[in-house]
Protein backbone atom coordinates (compact mmCIF):
# COMPACT_ATOMS: atom_id res chain seq x y z
CA UNK A 1 179.22 142.32 77.72
CA UNK A 2 177.79 138.70 77.78
CA UNK A 3 174.58 137.49 79.10
CA UNK A 4 173.17 134.14 80.07
CA UNK A 5 169.84 133.36 78.99
CA UNK A 6 168.16 134.31 82.10
CA UNK A 7 169.96 137.68 82.65
CA UNK A 8 168.97 138.50 78.97
CA UNK A 9 165.35 137.44 79.79
CA UNK A 10 165.06 139.58 82.90
CA UNK A 11 167.12 142.59 80.86
CA UNK A 12 164.49 142.36 77.96
CA UNK A 13 161.37 141.54 79.89
CA UNK A 14 160.87 138.56 77.94
CA UNK A 15 160.75 134.69 79.21
CA UNK A 16 163.72 132.48 78.69
CA UNK A 17 161.36 130.04 76.98
CA UNK A 18 160.84 132.85 74.20
CA UNK A 19 164.59 133.34 73.55
CA UNK A 20 164.75 129.43 73.39
CA UNK A 21 162.02 129.69 71.06
CA UNK A 22 163.80 132.48 68.87
CA UNK A 23 166.67 130.29 68.75
CA UNK A 24 164.74 127.24 67.25
CA UNK A 25 163.17 129.38 64.37
CA UNK A 26 166.54 131.11 63.70
CA UNK A 27 165.39 134.57 64.70
CA UNK A 28 167.77 134.94 67.34
CA UNK A 29 170.57 132.82 67.70
CA UNK A 30 173.16 132.95 70.93
CA UNK A 31 176.49 133.99 70.73
CA UNK A 32 177.66 130.51 71.72
CA UNK A 33 176.44 127.42 73.60
CA UNK A 34 178.59 125.86 76.19
CA UNK A 35 179.22 122.30 76.91
CA UNK A 36 176.23 122.29 79.52
CA UNK A 37 173.92 123.43 76.80
CA UNK A 38 173.51 126.81 78.28
CA UNK A 39 172.96 129.76 75.88
CA UNK A 40 175.05 133.07 75.90
CA UNK A 41 174.08 136.51 74.29
CA UNK A 42 176.64 139.19 73.26
CA UNK A 43 176.04 142.89 72.81
CA UNK A 44 175.24 141.84 68.94
CA UNK A 45 172.55 139.68 69.92
CA UNK A 46 171.01 142.00 72.53
CA UNK A 47 170.74 144.83 69.93
CA UNK A 48 169.11 142.28 67.62
CA UNK A 49 166.78 141.29 70.35
CA UNK A 50 165.75 145.13 70.57
CA UNK A 51 164.87 145.16 66.92
CA UNK A 52 162.94 142.20 67.39
CA UNK A 53 160.87 143.39 70.02
CA UNK A 54 160.40 146.82 68.21
CA UNK A 55 158.96 145.16 65.39
CA UNK A 56 156.66 142.91 67.68
CA UNK A 57 155.36 145.95 69.12
CA UNK A 58 154.52 147.32 65.91
CA UNK A 59 152.42 144.24 65.23
CA UNK A 60 154.99 142.26 62.91
CA UNK A 61 154.84 138.53 62.63
CA UNK A 62 157.92 136.36 63.60
CA UNK A 63 158.29 135.14 59.80
CA UNK A 64 157.98 138.70 58.79
CA UNK A 65 160.46 140.04 61.23
CA UNK A 66 163.08 137.32 60.28
CA UNK A 67 162.76 138.11 56.59
CA UNK A 68 163.49 141.69 57.60
CA UNK A 69 166.31 140.89 59.75
CA UNK A 70 167.99 138.59 57.41
CA UNK A 71 167.76 140.69 54.20
CA UNK A 72 170.86 141.99 52.70
CA UNK A 73 169.75 145.58 52.93
CA UNK A 74 168.59 145.63 56.54
CA UNK A 75 169.81 148.98 58.00
CA UNK A 76 169.59 149.47 61.88
CA UNK A 77 169.39 153.11 61.84
CA UNK A 78 166.70 153.17 59.16
CA UNK A 79 164.75 150.64 61.28
CA UNK A 80 164.92 152.74 64.34
CA UNK A 81 163.88 155.76 62.43
CA UNK A 82 160.92 153.77 61.26
CA UNK A 83 160.21 152.54 64.54
CA UNK A 84 160.08 156.16 65.93
CA UNK A 85 157.84 157.29 63.19
CA UNK A 86 155.36 154.39 64.00
CA UNK A 87 155.28 155.03 67.61
CA UNK A 88 154.86 158.93 67.29
CA UNK A 89 152.00 158.19 65.04
CA UNK A 90 150.48 155.73 67.71
CA UNK A 91 151.08 158.41 70.22
CA UNK A 92 149.19 160.91 68.38
CA UNK A 93 146.32 158.44 67.73
CA UNK A 94 146.37 157.58 71.50
CA UNK A 95 146.19 161.31 72.34
CA UNK A 96 143.20 161.71 70.01
CA UNK A 97 141.35 158.88 71.87
CA UNK A 98 142.37 160.43 75.34
CA UNK A 99 140.78 163.75 74.12
CA UNK A 100 137.75 161.97 72.81
CA UNK A 101 137.14 160.01 76.10
CA UNK A 102 137.67 163.22 78.37
CA UNK A 103 135.15 165.02 76.09
CA UNK A 104 132.73 162.28 76.69
CA UNK A 105 133.16 162.61 80.37
CA UNK A 106 132.56 166.41 80.23
CA UNK A 107 129.41 165.70 77.98
CA UNK A 108 128.01 163.29 80.54
CA UNK A 109 128.38 165.79 83.09
CA UNK A 110 126.68 168.40 81.06
CA UNK A 111 130.05 170.50 80.97
CA UNK A 112 130.40 170.10 77.11
CA UNK A 113 128.39 169.65 74.08
CA UNK A 114 129.86 166.71 72.02
CA UNK A 115 128.85 166.47 68.48
CA UNK A 116 127.66 163.35 67.11
CA UNK A 117 130.92 163.28 64.44
CA UNK A 118 133.15 163.31 67.67
CA UNK A 119 131.44 160.45 69.34
CA UNK A 120 131.40 158.49 65.96
CA UNK A 121 134.89 158.92 65.53
CA UNK A 122 135.66 157.50 69.10
CA UNK A 123 133.77 154.31 67.97
CA UNK A 124 135.48 153.56 64.78
CA UNK A 125 139.32 154.24 66.52
CA UNK A 126 138.02 151.79 69.34
CA UNK A 127 136.91 149.08 66.69
CA UNK A 128 140.20 149.56 65.03
CA UNK A 129 142.37 149.37 68.32
CA UNK A 130 140.40 146.22 69.54
CA UNK A 131 140.83 144.21 66.07
CA UNK A 132 144.56 145.26 66.05
CA UNK A 133 145.11 143.89 69.71
CA UNK A 134 143.12 140.74 69.01
CA UNK A 135 143.97 139.67 65.29
CA UNK A 136 146.47 142.09 64.25
CA UNK A 137 149.66 139.97 64.18
CA UNK A 138 147.63 136.98 62.41
CA UNK A 139 146.06 139.10 59.93
CA UNK A 140 149.18 141.31 58.96
CA UNK A 141 151.34 138.11 58.69
CA UNK A 142 148.70 136.55 56.43
CA UNK A 143 147.68 139.64 54.17
CA UNK A 144 150.45 142.26 54.92
CA UNK A 145 150.70 145.65 56.57
CA UNK A 146 149.47 147.50 53.27
CA UNK A 147 146.31 145.27 53.22
CA UNK A 148 145.37 145.99 56.80
CA UNK A 149 146.18 149.40 57.18
CA UNK A 150 144.25 149.94 53.78
CA UNK A 151 141.06 148.22 55.49
CA UNK A 152 141.81 150.53 58.84
CA UNK A 153 141.86 153.48 56.62
CA UNK A 154 138.60 152.61 54.83
CA UNK A 155 137.10 151.97 58.11
CA UNK A 156 138.17 155.12 59.49
CA UNK A 157 136.68 157.14 56.38
CA UNK A 158 133.19 155.82 56.72
CA UNK A 159 130.46 158.12 57.14
CA UNK A 160 127.89 157.73 60.06
CA UNK A 161 125.60 155.87 57.75
CA UNK A 162 128.17 153.51 56.25
CA UNK A 163 129.27 152.87 60.08
CA UNK A 164 125.91 152.03 60.75
CA UNK A 165 125.35 149.67 58.08
CA UNK A 166 128.65 148.17 58.71
CA UNK A 167 127.51 147.31 62.54
CA UNK A 168 123.94 146.20 61.23
CA UNK A 169 125.64 143.83 58.68
CA UNK A 170 127.84 142.04 61.19
CA UNK A 171 124.93 141.58 63.37
CA UNK A 172 122.87 140.42 60.71
CA UNK A 173 125.43 137.94 59.83
CA UNK A 174 125.44 136.36 63.42
CA UNK A 175 121.98 136.04 63.58
CA UNK A 176 121.51 134.21 60.25
CA UNK A 177 124.50 132.10 60.94
CA UNK A 178 122.98 131.13 64.54
CA UNK A 179 119.63 130.10 62.91
CA UNK A 180 121.47 128.09 60.01
CA UNK A 181 123.40 126.01 62.91
CA UNK A 182 120.41 125.58 64.87
CA UNK A 183 118.05 124.62 62.03
CA UNK A 184 120.71 122.33 60.85
CA UNK A 185 120.65 123.96 57.48
CA UNK A 186 123.53 122.35 55.01
CA UNK A 187 126.37 124.45 54.04
CA UNK A 188 125.34 123.91 50.14
CA UNK A 189 121.80 125.20 50.56
CA UNK A 190 120.61 128.59 49.49
CA UNK A 191 120.25 129.98 52.86
CA UNK A 192 124.01 129.21 53.30
CA UNK A 193 124.56 131.20 50.13
CA UNK A 194 122.78 134.18 51.53
CA UNK A 195 124.90 134.17 54.37
CA UNK A 196 127.95 134.06 52.58
CA UNK A 197 126.75 137.00 50.47
CA UNK A 198 126.06 138.87 53.52
CA UNK A 199 129.53 138.16 54.45
CA UNK A 200 130.99 139.11 51.38
CA UNK A 201 129.25 142.46 51.35
CA UNK A 202 130.43 143.14 54.96
CA UNK A 203 134.02 142.28 53.93
CA UNK A 204 133.87 144.60 50.95
CA UNK A 205 133.00 147.46 53.27
CA UNK A 206 136.36 147.36 54.37
CA UNK A 207 138.54 145.63 51.75
CA UNK A 208 139.95 147.67 48.67
CA UNK A 209 139.76 144.30 46.59
CA UNK A 210 137.78 141.13 47.08
CA UNK A 211 138.78 137.84 45.73
CA UNK A 212 137.26 134.34 46.51
CA UNK A 213 140.57 133.08 47.43
CA UNK A 214 140.89 135.94 50.28
CA UNK A 215 137.75 135.21 51.53
CA UNK A 216 138.28 131.49 51.91
CA UNK A 217 141.43 132.39 53.32
CA UNK A 218 139.60 134.42 56.16
CA UNK A 219 137.33 131.86 56.61
CA UNK A 220 139.97 129.17 57.17
CA UNK A 221 141.23 131.50 60.24
CA UNK A 222 137.60 131.37 61.87
CA UNK A 223 138.45 127.66 62.95
CA UNK A 224 142.21 127.64 62.97
CA UNK A 225 142.35 130.43 65.33
CA UNK A 226 140.60 129.80 68.89
CA UNK A 227 139.84 133.54 69.24
CA UNK A 228 137.78 133.81 66.12
CA UNK A 229 136.04 130.20 66.89
CA UNK A 230 135.15 131.47 70.30
CA UNK A 231 133.63 134.82 68.89
CA UNK A 232 131.16 132.96 66.33
CA UNK A 233 130.70 129.90 68.68
CA UNK A 234 129.87 131.95 71.83
CA UNK A 235 126.24 131.41 71.85
CA UNK A 236 125.81 128.37 69.27
CA UNK A 237 128.60 125.87 69.14
CA UNK A 238 129.24 125.01 65.53
CA UNK A 239 128.92 128.32 63.71
CA UNK A 240 132.56 128.88 62.86
CA UNK A 241 132.89 125.67 61.38
CA UNK A 242 129.86 126.04 59.45
CA UNK A 243 130.56 129.60 58.02
CA UNK A 244 134.10 128.29 56.97
CA UNK A 245 132.28 125.52 54.93
CA UNK A 246 129.81 127.54 53.60
CA UNK A 247 132.11 130.15 52.15
CA UNK A 248 134.47 127.40 50.84
CA UNK A 249 131.48 126.15 48.75
CA UNK A 250 129.77 129.24 47.68
CA UNK A 251 132.51 131.96 47.30
CA UNK A 252 133.44 131.20 43.81
CA UNK A 253 129.87 130.99 42.84
CA UNK A 254 128.68 134.27 44.06
């Protein structure tokens, strides 16, 4: 079976523009291109696209997927088994979230007495899910699955006191950051140093290992990625840029 680009895009649920982009970055080349410049795909290309979409669903970046597919030891059957295990784990996680929400509803109705531990677990899971949805692809591509998964596990393993400290530290960073920018403090000021130290302390609550280079790498994302910039600049414009500059200046000096 041979598919035109529009036929394959409709079959797979992706846009023709996406398929053209996959061709440009040599992730998925068509079977052939006719004289008019139209791309056509065969069964092998359709199978490869399925693998790409499975990996995308799991949060892999395009560069990482390309490396996996082009590696000499890539095995389709093994990859499918990995996809299945990942999906089953996500299903179990989703089932646990659904149960927590149901218990919360019953608790609000007075039909179930929900423990603080149960409420707390739901909050941690919600934070991890939101972070994965917003930034998962970028941070996994930059730091790798092992690092991100380890950070998530450390977050899930927090006690209630540790969780409250984590939330409070994030709030304190935002307040200090807004004050620095509003009062036009320079990024090499001692107040900026305190801010960077707070940010380092906050990161170390979920990081297995801290390095100034990794800290500066995270800071670079705050201005390079519009979602991070909007998060920090939502109330006071310029916060993302100030935090990046302060971290670049102070990270090696803490």
